[in-house]
Amino acid sequence: MYAPVMEFPWQKEHATWLFERAGLLAAAGAEPVGPLVLPTGAFFPDKVDGTPEGFGRLFDRLKQHVGFSDVETNLLLVDPDANEVVSSCSSGGCGSGLKTWNGKRVEADGDGYTVHLAMPELKHPTVVTTVLARALGEIFLFEADVAAGGKERGAIADLAASMLGLAVLVANGSGIEVKGCSGIKVQSVTTLSGPLATLAVAVVQRRDLLRKPTDAEPLESHLDNVARGQFAMAKAFARANDDVIRRLDDAPLTLAQGKFSLREPRTSVTERLRAVFGLKATSDDPIVALEEELRTRAEAPRLATSGKPARKRRADADEIRALVDESFE
């Protein structure tokens, strides 16, 4: 009736990398300043009309969502074929032919930053929001003086953007379905892999829920097909590692130093199938009822001889967990 573990679309060492870098970023202050940003009109009420000014308003809105409104930025549109800047999206003018582009996405420029948005990227709204979200992740690395270089820097910037509250936007950009002559292909505009970008969504959401348990905004409907197909497994993995996620707040440097171990959730065959097909259990599901009855029978002898009410046992478990977490501080 029970399967040992779920099969995840990422390898354990990659998940370990994500938690280590999340610890590093958390120690530097990476966290949302508001609710997790979703690709809806509630978060993006401004009209994006395809003009440079419209993209400038979009970037300003993203900056506001992550608490970067006071950070000086200059958003430029560039032609990658001609290797030159063609327009400025910042308020105060939209000149053309400003300068040659050096190929960098973000440049530290005096007291602020210059962000480049390539003309071909303007054709797809998911690409635009993902690219701008990633740019804010890289600006965070500059602002927080996070040491990261080489190929890894792009992935860490993606993770930083996710931890700032833009995880859904990053995940959607990590797996974009594009129709072609030979069928649908999946493309990515992130350095962080699609599975890890989806895991980052689950970790960020779980961190928020552990801080303030509430009825969380359902994220599944705001994830595109590729990320949505992996999200149930990512959520299960995050829940199985609540103790590690708590340390993003309580002892982030222990994560950065690799002083943790990750657990894979054990789940029933039916739960596993539901995760794969995105189905929900109902109260009249006979398989669920049978599994519940079997679990109850198996636990009954242990409960009868425990000598403690269930509520007291839960309280003891919470106290033990708190002591374990405290020992890592």
Protein backbone atom coordinates (compact mmCIF):
# COMPACT_ATOMS: atom_id res chain seq x y z
CA MET A 1 0.00 0.00 0.00
CA TYR A 2 2.85 2.40 0.72
CA ALA A 3 5.71 3.42 -1.57
CA PRO A 4 9.04 4.29 0.05
CA VAL A 5 9.66 7.69 -1.50
CA MET A 6 8.50 9.99 -4.27
CA GLU A 7 10.67 10.40 -7.34
CA PHE A 8 11.62 14.04 -7.74
CA PRO A 9 12.68 15.86 -10.92
CA TRP A 10 15.84 17.12 -9.21
CA GLN A 11 18.78 15.28 -7.73
CA LYS A 12 19.44 15.44 -4.00
CA GLU A 13 22.72 17.28 -4.42
CA HIS A 14 20.94 19.97 -6.43
CA ALA A 15 18.31 20.41 -3.71
CA THR A 16 21.14 20.59 -1.17
CA TRP A 17 22.77 23.33 -3.25
CA LEU A 18 19.51 25.28 -3.28
CA PHE A 19 19.13 25.16 0.51
CA GLU A 20 22.78 26.08 1.06
CA ARG A 21 22.48 29.13 -1.19
CA ALA A 22 19.09 29.99 0.30
CA GLY A 23 20.79 30.08 3.71
CA LEU A 24 23.46 32.41 2.34
CA LEU A 25 20.83 34.71 0.85
CA ALA A 26 18.64 34.62 3.96
CA ALA A 27 21.62 35.67 6.08
CA ALA A 28 22.02 38.63 3.70
CA GLY A 29 18.36 39.60 4.19
CA ALA A 30 16.59 38.02 1.21
CA GLU A 31 12.89 37.79 2.07
CA PRO A 32 9.60 39.17 0.75
CA VAL A 33 8.46 42.57 1.99
CA GLY A 34 4.85 41.68 1.18
CA PRO A 35 2.81 38.78 -0.21
CA LEU A 36 4.30 36.55 -2.88
CA VAL A 37 3.94 38.32 -6.22
CA LEU A 38 1.56 36.69 -8.70
CA PRO A 39 1.10 37.50 -12.41
CA THR A 40 -2.31 39.12 -11.90
CA GLY A 41 -3.84 42.53 -12.35
CA ALA A 42 -3.89 42.99 -8.59
CA PHE A 43 -0.09 43.05 -8.57
CA PHE A 44 0.36 44.66 -11.99
CA PRO A 45 -2.42 47.22 -12.52
CA ASP A 46 -0.33 49.38 -14.86
CA LYS A 47 -0.89 49.22 -18.60
CA VAL A 48 1.98 47.67 -20.54
CA ASP A 49 1.34 49.01 -24.03
CA GLY A 50 4.56 47.92 -25.71
CA THR A 51 6.20 51.32 -25.40
CA PRO A 52 9.48 51.88 -23.54
CA GLU A 53 7.56 53.86 -20.93
CA GLY A 54 5.22 50.91 -20.41
CA PHE A 55 8.11 48.56 -19.69
CA GLY A 56 9.55 51.20 -17.39
CA ARG A 57 6.32 51.23 -15.39
CA LEU A 58 6.39 47.44 -15.19
CA PHE A 59 9.94 47.48 -13.82
CA ASP A 60 9.06 50.20 -11.31
CA ARG A 61 6.14 48.07 -10.11
CA LEU A 62 8.42 45.06 -9.64
CA LYS A 63 10.90 47.22 -7.72
CA GLN A 64 8.06 48.35 -5.47
CA HIS A 65 7.01 44.77 -4.75
CA VAL A 66 10.48 43.80 -3.52
CA GLY A 67 11.15 47.02 -1.58
CA PHE A 68 13.66 48.46 -4.08
CA SER A 69 11.78 51.66 -4.94
CA ASP A 70 14.61 53.78 -3.53
CA VAL A 71 17.26 51.97 -5.58
CA GLU A 72 18.29 54.06 -8.59
CA THR A 73 17.90 52.13 -11.85
CA ASN A 74 17.96 52.93 -15.54
CA LEU A 75 16.15 50.44 -17.79
CA LEU A 76 17.42 50.37 -21.38
CA LEU A 77 16.13 48.55 -24.45
CA VAL A 78 18.90 46.99 -26.51
CA ASP A 79 19.21 45.47 -29.98
CA PRO A 80 21.38 42.36 -29.49
CA ASP A 81 21.99 41.99 -33.24
CA ALA A 82 23.34 45.52 -33.60
CA ASN A 83 24.86 45.31 -30.11
CA GLU A 84 23.58 48.75 -29.19
CA VAL A 85 21.12 50.51 -26.93
CA VAL A 86 18.08 51.77 -28.84
CA SER A 87 15.92 53.38 -26.16
CA SER A 88 15.62 54.29 -22.49
CA CYS A 89 12.56 53.17 -20.54
CA SER A 90 13.23 55.32 -17.50
CA SER A 91 11.15 58.38 -16.74
CA GLY A 92 12.64 61.59 -18.05
CA GLY A 93 13.05 60.77 -21.72
CA CYS A 94 13.34 58.02 -24.30
CA GLY A 95 16.30 58.85 -26.48
CA SER A 96 17.62 56.47 -29.12
CA GLY A 97 21.09 55.38 -30.13
CA LEU A 98 22.45 56.04 -26.64
CA LYS A 99 25.51 53.81 -26.57
CA THR A 100 26.94 50.42 -27.42
CA TRP A 101 25.72 47.47 -25.36
CA ASN A 102 28.38 45.29 -23.72
CA GLY A 103 26.12 42.25 -23.34
CA LYS A 104 25.62 42.49 -19.57
CA ARG A 105 22.13 42.30 -18.07
CA VAL A 106 22.87 44.46 -15.02
CA GLU A 107 25.70 46.94 -14.48
CA ALA A 108 26.53 48.81 -11.29
CA ASP A 109 26.62 52.43 -12.40
CA GLY A 110 27.73 54.95 -9.80
CA ASP A 111 25.04 55.09 -7.14
CA GLY A 112 22.60 52.96 -9.13
CA TYR A 113 22.24 50.24 -11.73
CA THR A 114 21.65 49.98 -15.45
CA VAL A 115 19.39 47.12 -16.53
CA HIS A 116 19.20 45.96 -20.15
CA LEU A 117 16.13 44.43 -21.78
CA ALA A 118 16.65 42.93 -25.26
CA MET A 119 14.17 43.76 -28.01
CA PRO A 120 13.31 40.09 -28.82
CA GLU A 121 12.38 39.55 -25.15
CA LEU A 122 9.55 42.10 -25.45
CA LYS A 123 7.43 39.71 -27.55
CA HIS A 124 6.55 37.38 -24.65
CA PRO A 125 5.08 38.74 -21.38
CA THR A 126 6.41 35.83 -19.30
CA VAL A 127 9.90 36.40 -20.66
CA VAL A 128 9.76 40.12 -19.84
CA THR A 129 8.61 39.67 -16.25
CA THR A 130 11.10 36.85 -15.65
CA VAL A 131 14.04 38.79 -17.07
CA LEU A 132 13.20 41.86 -14.97
CA ALA A 133 12.68 39.71 -11.86
CA ARG A 134 16.09 38.10 -12.39
CA ALA A 135 17.65 41.54 -12.79
CA LEU A 136 16.31 42.50 -9.36
CA GLY A 137 17.82 39.31 -7.96
CA GLU A 138 21.20 40.36 -9.33
CA ILE A 139 20.79 43.87 -7.95
CA PHE A 140 20.17 42.26 -4.55
CA LEU A 141 23.50 40.44 -4.85
CA PHE A 142 25.21 43.80 -5.45
CA GLU A 143 23.31 45.60 -2.67
CA ALA A 144 23.89 42.83 -0.10
CA ASP A 145 27.49 42.26 -1.25
CA VAL A 146 26.87 38.54 -1.78
CA ALA A 147 29.97 36.93 -3.21
CA ALA A 148 29.01 34.85 -6.25
CA GLY A 149 30.76 34.56 -9.56
CA GLY A 150 31.02 32.51 -12.70
CA LYS A 151 28.14 30.39 -13.95
CA GLU A 152 26.74 30.08 -10.44
CA ARG A 153 26.00 33.80 -10.12
CA GLY A 154 23.05 33.65 -12.51
CA ALA A 155 21.44 30.77 -10.61
CA ILE A 156 21.97 32.51 -7.27
CA ALA A 157 20.45 35.70 -8.69
CA ASP A 158 17.41 33.67 -9.78
CA LEU A 159 17.12 32.21 -6.29
CA ALA A 160 17.51 35.67 -4.75
CA ALA A 161 14.64 36.96 -6.89
CA SER A 162 12.53 34.02 -5.75
CA MET A 163 13.29 34.67 -2.09
CA LEU A 164 12.43 38.35 -2.52
CA GLY A 165 8.89 37.24 -3.42
CA LEU A 166 9.15 36.79 -7.20
CA ALA A 167 9.38 32.99 -7.14
CA VAL A 168 6.28 32.37 -9.26
CA LEU A 169 7.53 34.71 -11.99
CA VAL A 170 10.95 33.01 -12.00
CA ALA A 171 9.42 29.51 -12.09
CA ASN A 172 7.15 30.39 -15.01
CA GLY A 173 10.15 31.69 -16.95
CA SER A 174 12.11 28.52 -16.25
CA GLY A 175 9.77 26.38 -18.36
CA ILE A 176 8.02 28.20 -21.21
CA GLU A 177 6.08 26.07 -23.67
CA VAL A 178 6.60 27.22 -27.26
CA LYS A 179 4.70 25.79 -30.23
CA GLY A 180 6.80 24.84 -33.22
CA CYS A 181 6.56 22.83 -36.42
CA SER A 182 7.58 19.67 -34.59
CA GLY A 183 5.30 20.22 -31.60
CA ILE A 184 5.64 21.96 -28.26
CA LYS A 185 9.12 22.67 -26.95
CA VAL A 186 10.05 23.87 -23.48
CA GLN A 187 12.44 26.79 -23.29
CA SER A 188 13.93 28.60 -20.31
CA VAL A 189 15.10 32.17 -19.72
CA THR A 190 16.56 31.39 -16.29
CA THR A 191 19.87 29.95 -15.16
CA LEU A 192 18.18 28.08 -12.31
CA SER A 193 16.72 24.84 -13.69
CA GLY A 194 12.96 24.46 -13.95
CA PRO A 195 12.64 21.84 -11.19
CA LEU A 196 14.77 23.89 -8.77
CA ALA A 197 12.89 27.08 -9.63
CA THR A 198 9.64 25.26 -8.77
CA LEU A 199 11.18 23.93 -5.55
CA ALA A 200 12.13 27.51 -4.70
CA VAL A 201 8.45 28.49 -5.00
CA ALA A 202 7.50 25.77 -2.51
CA VAL A 203 10.29 26.71 -0.10
CA VAL A 204 9.40 30.42 -0.17
CA GLN A 205 5.71 29.66 0.34
CA ARG A 206 6.44 27.19 3.15
CA ARG A 207 8.74 29.69 4.88
CA ASP A 208 5.93 32.23 4.81
CA LEU A 209 3.41 29.72 6.21
CA LEU A 210 5.73 28.65 9.03
CA ARG A 211 6.14 32.29 10.00
CA LYS A 212 2.42 33.05 10.06
CA PRO A 213 0.12 30.05 9.56
CA THR A 214 -2.82 31.28 7.47
CA ASP A 215 -4.87 30.17 4.51
CA ALA A 216 -2.22 30.73 1.87
CA GLU A 217 -3.06 32.07 -1.56
CA PRO A 218 -3.24 29.03 -3.87
CA LEU A 219 -0.27 29.25 -6.20
CA GLU A 220 -0.99 26.36 -8.55
CA SER A 221 -3.37 28.30 -10.77
CA HIS A 222 -0.75 31.03 -11.27
CA LEU A 223 1.99 28.61 -12.35
CA ASP A 224 2.32 27.76 -16.02
CA ASN A 225 2.01 24.15 -17.18
CA VAL A 226 5.59 23.01 -16.68
CA ALA A 227 6.00 24.42 -13.17
CA ARG A 228 2.47 23.41 -12.17
CA GLY A 229 3.20 19.81 -13.07
CA GLN A 230 6.11 19.73 -10.60
CA PHE A 231 4.63 21.83 -7.81
CA ALA A 232 2.84 19.08 -5.87
CA MET A 233 6.11 17.20 -5.46
CA ALA A 234 7.93 20.40 -4.53
CA LYS A 235 5.36 21.17 -1.83
CA ALA A 236 5.66 17.67 -0.39
CA PHE A 237 9.45 17.99 -0.28
CA ALA A 238 9.24 21.40 1.42
CA ARG A 239 6.81 20.12 4.08
CA ALA A 240 9.09 17.17 4.82
CA ASN A 241 11.89 19.63 5.56
CA ASP A 242 10.12 22.14 7.79
CA ASP A 243 13.00 22.05 10.28
CA VAL A 244 15.46 23.08 7.56
CA ILE A 245 13.18 25.83 6.26
CA ARG A 246 12.76 27.24 9.79
CA ARG A 247 16.49 27.75 9.92
CA LEU A 248 16.27 30.24 7.05
CA ASP A 249 15.09 32.56 9.82
CA ASP A 250 16.65 31.06 12.93
CA ALA A 251 20.12 29.96 11.79
CA PRO A 252 20.65 30.64 8.06
CA LEU A 253 24.46 30.38 8.24
CA THR A 254 24.22 26.74 9.33
CA LEU A 255 22.47 26.08 6.02
CA ALA A 256 25.08 28.04 4.10
CA GLN A 257 27.72 25.88 5.79
CA GLY A 258 25.90 22.67 4.78
CA LYS A 259 25.08 21.68 8.37
CA PHE A 260 21.75 20.03 7.60
CA SER A 261 20.28 16.96 5.98
CA LEU A 262 17.26 16.78 3.70
CA ARG A 263 14.48 14.23 3.99
CA GLU A 264 12.29 12.89 1.25
CA PRO A 265 8.61 12.52 2.11
CA ARG A 266 7.13 9.05 2.31
CA THR A 267 3.76 8.82 0.71
CA SER A 268 1.07 6.34 -0.26
CA VAL A 269 0.68 5.07 -3.80
CA THR A 270 -2.62 6.90 -4.21
CA GLU A 271 -1.19 10.18 -2.93
CA ARG A 272 1.72 9.76 -5.30
CA LEU A 273 -0.59 9.24 -8.27
CA ARG A 274 -2.66 12.26 -7.27
CA ALA A 275 0.50 14.37 -7.14
CA VAL A 276 1.45 13.26 -10.64
CA PHE A 277 -2.01 13.90 -12.13
CA GLY A 278 -2.88 16.94 -10.00
CA LEU A 279 -5.95 15.31 -8.42
CA LYS A 280 -7.44 16.01 -5.01
CA ALA A 281 -8.71 13.44 -2.51
CA THR A 282 -12.42 13.56 -1.66
CA SER A 283 -14.11 12.57 1.57
CA ASP A 284 -15.93 9.66 -0.13
CA ASP A 285 -12.81 8.22 -1.77
CA PRO A 286 -12.90 4.48 -0.80
CA ILE A 287 -9.13 4.08 -1.07
CA VAL A 288 -8.57 7.02 1.26
CA ALA A 289 -11.11 5.57 3.71
CA LEU A 290 -9.40 2.18 3.64
CA GLU A 291 -5.94 3.67 4.17
CA GLU A 292 -7.24 5.76 7.06
CA GLU A 293 -8.82 2.70 8.68
CA LEU A 294 -5.58 0.72 8.34
CA ARG A 295 -3.58 3.59 9.85
CA THR A 296 -6.04 3.88 12.74
CA ARG A 297 -5.83 0.16 13.51
CA ALA A 298 -2.04 0.22 13.37
CA GLU A 299 -1.83 3.20 15.73
CA ALA A 300 -4.51 2.07 18.21
CA PRO A 301 -2.30 -0.23 20.39
CA ARG A 302 0.43 2.38 20.58
CA LEU A 303 -2.03 5.11 21.54
CA ALA A 304 -3.66 2.94 24.21
CA THR A 305 -0.38 2.34 26.03
CA SER A 306 1.23 5.74 25.55
CA GLY A 307 -0.15 7.20 28.81
CA LYS A 308 -0.34 10.70 27.28
CA PRO A 309 -3.20 12.39 25.45
CA ALA A 310 -2.58 13.13 21.79
CA ARG A 311 -2.52 16.88 22.46
CA LYS A 312 0.20 16.46 25.10
CA ARG A 313 2.28 14.28 22.77
CA ARG A 314 2.08 16.94 20.06
CA ALA A 315 3.13 19.59 22.56
CA ASP A 316 6.11 17.45 23.60
CA ALA A 317 7.08 16.96 19.97
CA ASP A 318 6.90 20.70 19.32
CA GLU A 319 9.10 21.36 22.34
CA ILE A 320 11.69 18.82 21.20
CA ARG A 321 11.71 20.34 17.71
CA ALA A 322 12.21 23.81 19.19
CA LEU A 323 15.15 22.57 21.25
CA VAL A 324 16.72 20.95 18.21
CA ASP A 325 16.31 24.13 16.17
CA GLU A 326 17.77 26.18 19.03
CA SER A 327 20.85 23.95 19.16
CA PHE A 328 21.76 25.05 15.62
CA GLU A 329 21.71 28.77 16.45
